[in-house]
């Protein structure tokens, strides 16, 4: 069935009315749908709002619970802090109570002392009053006795006072003199004992081997055939060597050795090393000799610096100026009474340090003074003046302090001694020089020194004879008993010692012993 024909055949008014009814129905249906939808949205909104209110209530309750828990925790913490503060307050109160108790006890003691002091003052006042009363009475009695004595003696007051004071002065002078002599003797004995102890300790703590240097050096040869090569054709090699080194070369009949001789130890060392190199190299001719000597001389400068640094390390003196280190190394090639000056300087430094330690002084400063005390001997052949002054000038230019400069200048008593370290260096210098084997003299000089010592002693009136013993370190003087007494013998020994100091040169010290000899001779017939 088809609707088109029906509509086609229907009345247009009917169609319009039907269309209007349809529209109305559609609008009503739409309205109903919109009402239903709005009611559902409202209901849903109410449900969401209700749920939000419930959630808000729950969050509020949870926040209240959290706030209460936080408040409880804060309260507990606050209670703990309050309890801690209360404990500290109680401890402070106890400490205050103890201090108050201590203060009370101290106050009570002070009160007792004050009462005791008041009693003592009162007794002192009473004693003073009694003393004044007795003094007044005694003065009256003394005045009466003095008047009686003056009448009996027939002297006035001034004469009696002068006579009494003179007698008192005489008695006191004799007594004071005796006491001074006794105390001086006791002090001298104590100082000598302490000095011996310190020096003995220093010597025992530092012991060094001593070898005396000479003016000759021997060089060993593998065979005597090398002597001819050293001499060269018509002696040209040995002349070239002596000219280049400045030493004397001695080639004699002694098997297996060649001797180089010179008073300059640096030249002697250069020649010795150069000769050893030439012998080991085998090429010995004038050109090679000059080349080797130049090389050895250049290398010796570095060797000198190493010797200076080693000496500074051995003496433990710290940092030194480069110039002083070079001069110390050159002391290796200087001798004093055949004693090596560098070895002597190191020994003096160590001995001075030990002595300073025994006396409670600065050991490092004492060692520095001792090491540099003979530094001028490295230059005294090139400059005018004695080695103490030369050494002090060089050390001053190198920045050394006043104490070190004074020790260098005054260790031989050339200036007035103002520092204790100068005395220590002089003592250490004497110890090092007077050690057995430290220094060596020729036999002729040794015999002449002993002879001069004995002759000087015999020049004094009352001396019969004198004997030098202990290698010249002691002289025994035999005095005539008829011309000398015990007191004059003491003065005689003093005069001889002073004369030796002024007229003779000697290492160390010399002991002078004067003995009176009385011979009684009788014959039985």
Protein backbone atom coordinates (compact mmCIF):
# COMPACT_ATOMS: atom_id res chain seq x y z
CA UNK A 1 0.00 0.00 0.00
CA UNK A 2 1.30 3.39 -0.89
CA UNK A 3 0.79 6.53 1.27
CA UNK A 4 1.55 9.00 -1.43
CA UNK A 5 -1.66 8.54 -3.18
CA UNK A 6 -3.59 8.83 0.05
CA UNK A 7 -1.90 12.18 0.87
CA UNK A 8 -2.38 13.21 -2.58
CA UNK A 9 -6.00 12.55 -2.38
CA UNK A 10 -6.49 14.05 1.17
CA UNK A 11 -7.69 17.51 1.99
CA UNK A 12 -4.85 20.08 2.38
CA UNK A 13 -6.49 21.48 5.50
CA UNK A 14 -6.47 18.13 7.08
CA UNK A 15 -2.86 17.72 6.21
CA UNK A 16 -1.98 21.03 7.78
CA UNK A 17 -3.85 20.20 10.89
CA UNK A 18 -2.22 16.84 11.12
CA UNK A 19 1.16 18.52 10.64
CA UNK A 20 0.34 20.96 13.39
CA UNK A 21 -0.76 18.20 15.70
CA UNK A 22 2.49 16.38 14.90
CA UNK A 23 4.50 19.39 15.73
CA UNK A 24 2.66 19.87 18.97
CA UNK A 25 3.17 16.25 19.89
CA UNK A 26 6.81 16.50 19.00
CA UNK A 27 7.20 19.62 21.12
CA UNK A 28 5.45 17.96 24.01
CA UNK A 29 7.58 14.87 23.71
CA UNK A 30 10.68 17.03 23.58
CA UNK A 31 9.52 18.95 26.60
CA UNK A 32 8.83 15.71 28.47
CA UNK A 33 12.26 14.40 27.51
CA UNK A 34 13.92 17.67 28.63
CA UNK A 35 11.99 17.54 31.94
CA UNK A 36 13.02 13.96 32.52
CA UNK A 37 16.65 14.83 31.64
CA UNK A 38 16.71 17.89 33.91
CA UNK A 39 15.28 15.88 36.76
CA UNK A 40 18.00 13.21 36.24
CA UNK A 41 20.74 15.88 36.15
CA UNK A 42 19.36 17.50 39.27
CA UNK A 43 19.18 14.18 41.01
CA UNK A 44 22.71 13.41 39.91
CA UNK A 45 23.87 16.83 41.08
CA UNK A 46 22.19 16.28 44.41
CA UNK A 47 23.90 12.93 44.70
CA UNK A 48 27.34 14.50 43.82
CA UNK A 49 26.71 17.36 46.26
CA UNK A 50 25.72 14.91 48.96
CA UNK A 51 28.80 12.82 48.27
CA UNK A 52 30.95 15.96 48.33
CA UNK A 53 29.44 16.95 51.66
CA UNK A 54 30.17 13.47 53.00
CA UNK A 55 33.76 13.65 51.69
CA UNK A 56 34.19 17.10 53.20
CA UNK A 57 32.86 15.85 56.52
CA UNK A 58 35.26 12.90 56.38
CA UNK A 59 38.20 15.17 55.44
CA UNK A 60 37.26 17.53 58.22
CA UNK A 61 37.11 14.67 60.70
CA UNK A 62 40.45 13.31 59.41
CA UNK A 63 42.02 16.77 59.64
CA UNK A 64 40.73 17.14 63.17
CA UNK A 65 42.19 13.72 64.05
CA UNK A 66 45.56 14.64 62.48
CA UNK A 67 45.56 17.98 64.26
CA UNK A 68 44.79 16.29 67.57
CA UNK A 69 47.60 13.74 67.03
CA UNK A 70 50.04 16.54 66.09
CA UNK A 71 48.93 18.50 69.14
CA UNK A 72 49.46 15.42 71.32
CA UNK A 73 52.96 14.91 69.87
CA UNK A 74 53.81 18.57 70.39
CA UNK A 75 52.49 18.33 73.90
CA UNK A 76 54.61 15.28 74.65
CA UNK A 77 57.70 16.99 73.18
CA UNK A 78 56.96 20.13 75.17
CA UNK A 79 56.53 18.05 78.32
CA UNK A 80 59.91 16.39 77.67
CA UNK A 81 61.58 19.77 77.10
CA UNK A 82 59.97 21.11 80.26
CA UNK A 83 61.16 18.06 82.19
CA UNK A 84 64.68 18.52 80.79
CA UNK A 85 64.66 22.17 81.75
CA UNK A 86 63.41 21.25 85.21
CA UNK A 87 66.26 18.71 85.52
CA UNK A 88 68.81 21.33 84.43
CA UNK A 89 67.32 23.84 86.84
CA UNK A 90 67.56 21.28 89.66
CA UNK A 91 71.21 20.58 88.73
CA UNK A 92 71.93 24.29 88.66
CA UNK A 93 70.24 24.69 92.03
CA UNK A 94 72.39 21.86 93.44
CA UNK A 95 75.55 23.51 92.01
CA UNK A 96 74.50 26.83 93.49
CA UNK A 97 73.84 25.16 96.81
CA UNK A 98 77.29 23.56 96.72
CA UNK A 99 78.91 26.89 95.86
CA UNK A 100 76.96 28.59 98.60
CA UNK A 101 78.11 25.90 101.02
CA UNK A 102 81.72 26.32 99.81
CA UNK A 103 81.43 30.09 100.11
CA UNK A 104 80.00 29.71 103.61
CA UNK A 105 82.88 27.42 104.59
CA UNK A 106 85.41 29.80 103.10
CA UNK A 107 83.75 32.71 104.84
CA UNK A 108 83.91 30.86 108.11
CA UNK A 109 87.59 30.12 107.54
CA UNK A 110 88.20 33.76 106.68
CA UNK A 111 86.40 34.77 109.84
CA UNK A 112 88.61 32.40 111.83
CA UNK A 113 91.72 33.76 110.15
CA UNK A 114 90.56 37.31 110.76
CA UNK A 115 90.03 36.58 114.43
CA UNK A 116 93.44 34.88 114.57
CA UNK A 117 95.00 37.88 112.82
CA UNK A 118 93.32 40.26 115.22
CA UNK A 119 94.67 38.26 118.15
CA UNK A 120 98.13 38.25 116.58
CA UNK A 121 97.96 41.98 115.97
CA UNK A 122 96.86 42.59 119.52
CA UNK A 123 99.71 40.45 120.81
CA UNK A 124 102.12 42.23 118.46
CA UNK A 125 100.95 45.59 119.76
CA UNK A 126 101.38 44.40 123.32
CA UNK A 127 104.83 42.99 122.50
CA UNK A 128 105.78 46.27 120.84
CA UNK A 129 104.69 48.22 123.86
CA UNK A 130 106.65 45.89 126.15
CA UNK A 131 109.65 46.20 123.84
CA UNK A 132 109.48 49.98 123.92
CA UNK A 133 109.23 49.95 127.69
CA UNK A 134 112.20 47.57 128.00
CA UNK A 135 114.15 49.55 125.42
CA UNK A 136 113.59 52.72 127.37
CA UNK A 137 114.79 51.02 130.55
CA UNK A 138 117.78 49.50 128.70
CA UNK A 139 118.73 52.85 127.17
CA UNK A 140 118.76 54.39 130.65
CA UNK A 141 120.90 51.56 132.01
CA UNK A 142 123.27 51.78 129.01
CA UNK A 143 123.59 55.54 129.40
CA UNK A 144 124.43 55.09 133.07
CA UNK A 145 126.97 52.33 132.29
CA UNK A 146 128.46 54.39 129.46
CA UNK A 147 128.94 57.37 131.74
CA UNK A 148 130.60 55.16 134.32
CA UNK A 149 132.92 53.60 131.67
CA UNK A 150 133.83 57.00 130.27
CA UNK A 151 134.71 58.25 133.72
CA UNK A 152 136.81 55.15 134.44
CA UNK A 153 138.56 55.19 131.02
CA UNK A 154 139.15 58.90 131.02
CA UNK A 155 137.74 59.25 127.46
CA UNK A 156 134.98 61.38 126.09
CA UNK A 157 132.08 59.94 124.10
CA UNK A 158 133.51 60.54 120.59
CA UNK A 159 136.87 59.01 121.46
CA UNK A 160 135.20 55.94 122.93
CA UNK A 161 132.99 55.51 119.84
CA UNK A 162 135.94 55.79 117.47
CA UNK A 163 137.95 53.27 119.51
CA UNK A 164 135.03 50.83 119.63
CA UNK A 165 134.21 51.13 115.92
CA UNK A 166 137.86 50.65 115.00
CA UNK A 167 138.06 47.47 117.04
CA UNK A 168 134.77 46.19 115.55
CA UNK A 169 135.95 46.97 112.02
CA UNK A 170 139.17 45.08 112.62
CA UNK A 171 137.39 42.04 114.03
CA UNK A 172 134.76 42.06 111.28
CA UNK A 173 137.32 42.52 108.51
CA UNK A 174 139.24 39.44 109.66
CA UNK A 175 136.05 37.40 110.01
CA UNK A 176 134.71 38.53 106.63
CA UNK A 177 138.04 37.70 105.00
CA UNK A 178 137.98 34.19 106.44
CA UNK A 179 134.41 33.65 105.34
CA UNK A 180 135.11 34.98 101.84
CA UNK A 181 138.13 32.70 101.44
CA UNK A 182 136.16 29.70 102.71
CA UNK A 183 133.15 30.37 100.48
CA UNK A 184 135.36 31.14 97.50
CA UNK A 185 137.17 27.84 97.97
CA UNK A 186 133.90 25.94 98.30
CA UNK A 187 132.46 27.64 95.22
CA UNK A 188 135.63 26.95 93.26
CA UNK A 189 135.53 23.26 94.19
CA UNK A 190 131.86 23.01 93.24
CA UNK A 191 132.41 24.77 89.93
CA UNK A 192 135.44 22.65 89.10
CA UNK A 193 133.50 19.46 89.86
CA UNK A 194 130.56 20.60 87.74
CA UNK A 195 132.87 21.70 84.92
CA UNK A 196 134.68 18.35 84.92
CA UNK A 197 131.34 16.55 84.86
CA UNK A 198 130.04 18.58 81.90
CA UNK A 199 133.26 18.31 79.91
CA UNK A 200 133.58 14.59 80.64
CA UNK A 201 129.99 14.02 79.56
CA UNK A 202 130.53 16.00 76.35
CA UNK A 203 133.73 14.12 75.50
CA UNK A 204 132.14 10.74 76.23
CA UNK A 205 129.06 11.53 74.15
CA UNK A 206 131.16 12.55 71.17
CA UNK A 207 134.16 10.44 70.21
CA UNK A 208 135.88 10.85 66.85
CA UNK A 209 138.85 9.20 65.24
CA UNK A 210 141.80 11.46 64.48
CA UNK A 211 144.29 11.24 61.67
CA UNK A 212 146.93 13.89 61.14
CA UNK A 213 147.28 15.30 57.63
CA UNK A 214 150.67 15.69 56.04
CA UNK A 215 152.12 17.75 53.21
CA UNK A 216 152.73 14.70 51.00
CA UNK A 217 150.46 12.25 49.18
CA UNK A 218 151.58 8.87 47.89
CA UNK A 219 150.19 7.29 44.71
CA UNK A 220 150.41 3.53 44.27
CA UNK A 221 151.73 2.17 40.98
CA UNK A 222 150.94 -1.19 39.43
CA UNK A 223 154.55 -1.56 38.36
CA UNK A 224 157.77 0.42 38.43
CA UNK A 225 157.70 0.67 34.61
CA UNK A 226 155.13 3.44 34.99
CA UNK A 227 157.76 5.67 36.64
CA UNK A 228 159.55 6.06 33.33
CA UNK A 229 156.32 7.03 31.56
CA UNK A 230 155.54 9.53 34.30
CA UNK A 231 158.98 11.13 33.91
CA UNK A 232 158.79 11.07 30.11
CA UNK A 233 161.50 11.66 27.59
CA UNK A 234 164.14 13.91 29.13
CA UNK A 235 161.67 14.62 31.98
CA UNK A 236 159.13 16.55 29.87
CA UNK A 237 156.09 14.75 31.33
CA UNK A 238 157.03 15.35 34.96
CA UNK A 239 157.94 19.00 34.23
CA UNK A 240 154.61 19.54 32.48
CA UNK A 241 152.76 17.92 35.40
CA UNK A 242 154.58 20.03 38.01
CA UNK A 243 153.94 23.20 36.00
CA UNK A 244 150.22 22.46 35.55
CA UNK A 245 149.59 21.48 39.17
CA UNK A 246 152.15 23.56 41.11
CA UNK A 247 153.39 20.61 43.18
CA UNK A 248 156.65 18.69 43.46
CA UNK A 249 156.62 15.13 42.13
CA UNK A 250 159.13 12.81 43.81
CA UNK A 251 160.02 9.66 41.88
CA UNK A 252 162.68 7.78 43.82
CA UNK A 253 163.77 4.22 44.40
CA UNK A 254 160.80 3.42 46.62
CA UNK A 255 159.07 0.53 44.88
CA UNK A 256 155.48 0.94 43.67
CA UNK A 257 154.82 4.54 44.75
CA UNK A 258 155.13 8.12 43.51
CA UNK A 259 155.01 11.02 45.97
CA UNK A 260 153.46 14.46 45.32
CA UNK A 261 154.42 17.17 47.79
CA UNK A 262 152.92 20.62 48.40
CA UNK A 263 151.94 22.84 51.33
CA UNK A 264 148.72 23.73 49.46
CA UNK A 265 146.31 20.88 50.12
CA UNK A 266 144.04 21.83 47.20
CA UNK A 267 146.91 21.63 44.74
CA UNK A 268 148.03 18.37 46.30
CA UNK A 269 144.55 16.87 45.93
CA UNK A 270 144.28 18.03 42.31
CA UNK A 271 147.68 16.54 41.50
CA UNK A 272 146.89 13.25 43.24
CA UNK A 273 143.58 12.73 41.41
CA UNK A 274 145.07 13.85 38.09
CA UNK A 275 148.03 11.47 38.46
CA UNK A 276 145.69 8.56 39.27
CA UNK A 277 143.59 9.33 36.16
CA UNK A 278 146.63 9.57 33.94
CA UNK A 279 147.97 6.26 35.23
CA UNK A 280 144.62 4.50 34.74
CA UNK A 281 144.18 6.07 31.27
CA UNK A 282 147.70 5.21 30.16
CA UNK A 283 148.08 8.26 27.92
CA UNK A 284 150.75 10.40 29.60
CA UNK A 285 152.02 13.34 27.57
CA UNK A 286 152.07 17.14 28.15
CA UNK A 287 148.84 17.90 26.25
CA UNK A 288 146.93 15.13 28.00
CA UNK A 289 148.36 16.20 31.35
CA UNK A 290 147.06 19.76 30.92
CA UNK A 291 143.64 18.47 29.83
CA UNK A 292 143.27 16.06 32.78
CA UNK A 293 144.48 18.65 35.33
CA UNK A 294 141.90 21.16 34.02
CA UNK A 295 139.11 18.56 34.28
CA UNK A 296 140.11 17.57 37.82
CA UNK A 297 140.37 21.20 38.93
CA UNK A 298 136.87 21.89 37.59
CA UNK A 299 135.44 18.81 39.23
CA UNK A 300 137.11 19.68 42.52
CA UNK A 301 134.95 22.81 42.83
CA UNK A 302 131.82 20.66 42.88
CA UNK A 303 133.52 18.28 45.28
CA UNK A 304 134.29 21.21 47.61
CA UNK A 305 130.61 22.23 47.64
CA UNK A 306 129.57 18.67 48.44
CA UNK A 307 132.08 18.58 51.30
CA UNK A 308 130.61 21.81 52.69
CA UNK A 309 127.04 20.51 52.46
CA UNK A 310 128.04 17.24 54.12
CA UNK A 311 129.74 19.13 56.98
CA UNK A 312 126.58 21.23 57.47
CA UNK A 313 124.48 18.06 57.57
CA UNK A 314 126.85 16.32 59.98
CA UNK A 315 126.78 19.32 62.32
CA UNK A 316 122.98 19.70 61.90
CA UNK A 317 123.07 23.49 61.58
CA UNK A 318 120.26 23.94 59.05
CA UNK A 319 120.50 26.18 56.01
CA UNK A 320 123.76 28.04 55.29
CA UNK A 321 124.70 30.67 52.73
CA UNK A 322 126.24 29.26 49.55
CA UNK A 323 129.46 31.22 50.19
CA UNK A 324 129.81 29.71 53.66
CA UNK A 325 129.19 26.21 52.28
CA UNK A 326 131.97 26.73 49.70
CA UNK A 327 134.37 28.00 52.37
CA UNK A 328 133.54 25.04 54.64
CA UNK A 329 134.42 22.66 51.81
CA UNK A 330 137.77 24.41 51.33
CA UNK A 331 138.59 23.83 55.01
CA UNK A 332 138.93 20.14 54.08
CA UNK A 333 142.23 21.09 52.49
CA UNK A 334 143.54 23.18 55.40
CA UNK A 335 145.38 21.85 58.45
CA UNK A 336 146.24 23.28 61.85
CA UNK A 337 149.07 21.50 63.66
CA UNK A 338 148.45 18.69 61.13
CA UNK A 339 144.79 18.49 62.21
CA UNK A 340 142.22 18.75 59.41
CA UNK A 341 140.35 22.05 59.93
CA UNK A 342 137.00 20.86 58.49
CA UNK A 343 136.97 17.77 60.70
CA UNK A 344 138.01 19.96 63.63
CA UNK A 345 135.15 22.43 62.88
CA UNK A 346 132.52 19.67 62.77
CA UNK A 347 133.86 18.22 66.01
CA UNK A 348 133.80 21.64 67.70
CA UNK A 349 130.21 22.12 66.53
CA UNK A 350 129.04 18.81 67.99
CA UNK A 351 130.97 19.31 71.25
CA UNK A 352 129.54 22.84 71.63
CA UNK A 353 126.05 21.45 71.06
CA UNK A 354 126.53 18.80 73.75
CA UNK A 355 127.87 21.40 76.20
CA UNK A 356 124.94 23.71 75.45
CA UNK A 357 122.52 20.85 76.06
CA UNK A 358 124.12 20.12 79.43
CA UNK A 359 123.73 23.79 80.39
CA UNK A 360 120.16 24.15 79.09
CA UNK A 361 121.09 26.47 76.19
CA UNK A 362 120.19 26.46 72.48
CA UNK A 363 122.03 23.44 71.02
CA UNK A 364 121.38 24.39 67.36
CA UNK A 365 122.84 27.87 67.86
CA UNK A 366 125.87 26.45 69.67
CA UNK A 367 126.51 23.98 66.82
CA UNK A 368 126.26 26.79 64.27
CA UNK A 369 128.78 28.88 66.21
CA UNK A 370 131.15 25.91 66.50
CA UNK A 371 130.97 24.95 62.82
CA UNK A 372 131.74 28.48 61.59
CA UNK A 373 134.33 29.47 64.22
CA UNK A 374 137.33 28.74 61.93
CA UNK A 375 135.69 29.73 58.62
CA UNK A 376 138.25 32.51 58.22
CA UNK A 377 141.05 29.94 57.77
CA UNK A 378 139.72 29.29 54.27
CA UNK A 379 140.65 32.89 53.34
CA UNK A 380 143.47 33.94 55.68
CA UNK A 381 146.07 33.17 52.99
CA UNK A 382 144.29 35.51 50.57
CA UNK A 383 143.34 38.38 52.91
CA UNK A 384 145.14 40.39 55.57
CA UNK A 385 144.35 39.86 59.26
CA UNK A 386 143.77 36.94 61.59
CA UNK A 387 141.26 34.24 60.78
CA UNK A 388 138.77 35.29 63.54
CA UNK A 389 138.34 38.78 62.06
CA UNK A 390 138.27 37.52 58.47
CA UNK A 391 135.71 34.84 59.35
CA UNK A 392 133.50 37.31 61.22
CA UNK A 393 133.53 39.74 58.29
CA UNK A 394 132.58 37.03 55.80
CA UNK A 395 129.85 35.62 58.08
CA UNK A 396 128.41 39.11 58.59
CA UNK A 397 128.17 39.62 54.82
CA UNK A 398 126.39 36.26 54.59
CA UNK A 399 123.73 37.35 57.10
CA UNK A 400 124.76 35.49 60.27
CA UNK A 401 123.43 36.83 63.60
CA UNK A 402 125.37 38.71 66.27
CA UNK A 403 125.95 35.70 68.54
CA UNK A 404 127.58 33.66 65.74
CA UNK A 405 129.73 36.63 64.72
CA UNK A 406 130.85 37.16 68.33
CA UNK A 407 131.77 33.46 68.68
CA UNK A 408 133.86 33.63 65.48
CA UNK A 409 135.63 36.82 66.57
CA UNK A 410 136.18 35.93 70.22
CA UNK A 411 136.93 32.20 70.41
CA UNK A 412 140.65 33.08 70.80
CA UNK A 413 139.97 35.90 73.33
CA UNK A 414 140.78 38.57 70.73
CA UNK A 415 137.81 40.62 71.98
CA UNK A 416 135.92 40.89 75.24
CA UNK A 417 133.58 37.94 75.66
CA UNK A 418 129.95 39.06 75.98
CA UNK A 419 128.08 35.85 75.07
CA UNK A 420 128.08 32.43 76.74
CA UNK A 421 128.17 30.70 73.33
CA UNK A 422 131.62 32.19 72.68
CA UNK A 423 132.88 30.54 75.87
CA UNK A 424 131.31 27.22 74.81
CA UNK A 425 133.00 27.39 71.40
CA UNK A 426 136.36 28.21 73.00
CA UNK A 427 135.99 25.25 75.39
CA UNK A 428 134.98 22.89 72.57
CA UNK A 429 137.89 24.20 70.46
CA UNK A 430 140.32 23.44 73.31
CA UNK A 431 138.85 19.95 73.80
CA UNK A 432 139.15 19.13 70.10
CA UNK A 433 142.70 20.47 69.89
CA UNK A 434 143.94 18.77 73.06
CA UNK A 435 142.64 15.28 72.31
CA UNK A 436 145.46 12.71 72.18
CA UNK A 437 146.39 12.24 68.55
CA UNK A 438 144.40 15.21 67.31
CA UNK A 439 147.42 17.34 66.49
CA UNK A 440 150.96 16.42 65.60
CA UNK A 441 154.16 18.40 65.66
CA UNK A 442 157.55 17.65 64.24
CA UNK A 443 160.06 16.15 66.66
CA UNK A 444 162.28 19.20 66.54
CA UNK A 445 159.41 21.62 67.31
CA UNK A 446 158.19 19.31 70.07
CA UNK A 447 161.61 19.10 71.75
CA UNK A 448 162.17 22.86 71.45
CA UNK A 449 158.78 23.58 72.99
CA UNK A 450 159.58 21.39 76.01
CA UNK A 451 163.01 22.97 76.32
CA UNK A 452 161.59 26.50 76.21
CA UNK A 453 159.06 25.58 78.85
CA UNK A 454 161.71 24.25 81.23
CA UNK A 455 164.05 27.21 80.66
CA UNK A 456 161.25 29.70 81.35
CA UNK A 457 160.52 28.05 84.69
CA UNK A 458 164.18 28.03 85.71
CA UNK A 459 164.44 31.81 85.20
CA UNK A 460 162.47 32.48 88.40
CA UNK A 461 164.31 33.08 91.66
CA UNK A 462 164.20 30.11 94.05
CA UNK A 463 163.70 27.47 91.32
CA UNK A 464 166.35 24.75 91.28
CA UNK A 465 165.12 22.79 88.26
CA UNK A 466 162.00 22.07 86.19
CA UNK A 467 160.75 19.04 84.28
CA UNK A 468 158.17 19.10 81.46
CA UNK A 469 156.06 15.93 81.52
CA UNK A 470 152.95 14.54 79.80
CA UNK A 471 153.99 15.81 76.36
CA UNK A 472 154.40 19.32 77.71
CA UNK A 473 150.94 19.53 79.31
CA UNK A 474 152.42 19.69 82.83
CA UNK A 475 155.60 21.12 84.27
CA UNK A 476 157.01 20.08 87.65
CA UNK A 477 159.02 22.86 89.30
CA UNK A 478 161.45 21.96 92.12
CA UNK A 479 161.92 24.99 94.40
CA UNK A 480 164.58 25.54 97.07
CA UNK A 481 162.93 25.15 100.48
CA UNK A 482 165.38 27.60 102.05
CA UNK A 483 164.33 30.39 99.63
CA UNK A 484 160.62 29.72 99.41
CA UNK A 485 157.76 29.16 101.81
CA UNK A 486 154.34 27.58 101.38
CA UNK A 487 152.77 30.94 100.61
CA UNK A 488 155.49 32.04 98.24
CA UNK A 489 155.28 28.66 96.44
CA UNK A 490 151.66 29.41 95.60
CA UNK A 491 152.64 32.81 94.23
CA UNK A 492 155.54 31.25 92.31
CA UNK A 493 153.22 28.81 90.51
CA UNK A 494 150.89 31.69 89.65
CA UNK A 495 153.75 33.82 88.27
CA UNK A 496 155.11 30.94 86.18
CA UNK A 497 151.65 30.20 84.72
CA UNK A 498 151.18 33.86 83.79
CA UNK A 499 154.62 34.02 82.19
CA UNK A 500 153.88 30.88 80.13
CA UNK A 501 150.62 32.42 78.91
CA UNK A 502 152.38 35.60 77.83
CA UNK A 503 155.57 34.21 76.28
CA UNK A 504 154.83 30.73 74.87
CA UNK A 505 152.48 29.34 72.23
CA UNK A 506 150.95 25.95 73.01
CA UNK A 507 147.76 23.95 72.35
CA UNK A 508 145.38 23.27 75.25
CA UNK A 509 146.59 24.12 78.76
CA UNK A 510 149.70 23.53 80.87
CA UNK A 511 149.56 22.57 84.53
CA UNK A 512 152.25 24.13 86.76
CA UNK A 513 153.16 22.23 89.94
CA UNK A 514 155.66 23.77 92.38
CA UNK A 515 157.27 21.46 94.96
CA UNK A 516 159.61 22.56 97.75
CA UNK A 517 162.53 20.26 98.34
CA UNK A 518 164.47 20.21 101.61
CA UNK A 519 167.45 17.89 101.79
CA UNK A 520 169.04 17.11 105.14
CA UNK A 521 172.44 15.44 104.79
CA UNK A 522 174.54 14.15 107.68
CA UNK A 523 177.46 11.76 107.86
CA UNK A 524 178.03 9.10 110.50
CA UNK A 525 181.72 8.89 111.33
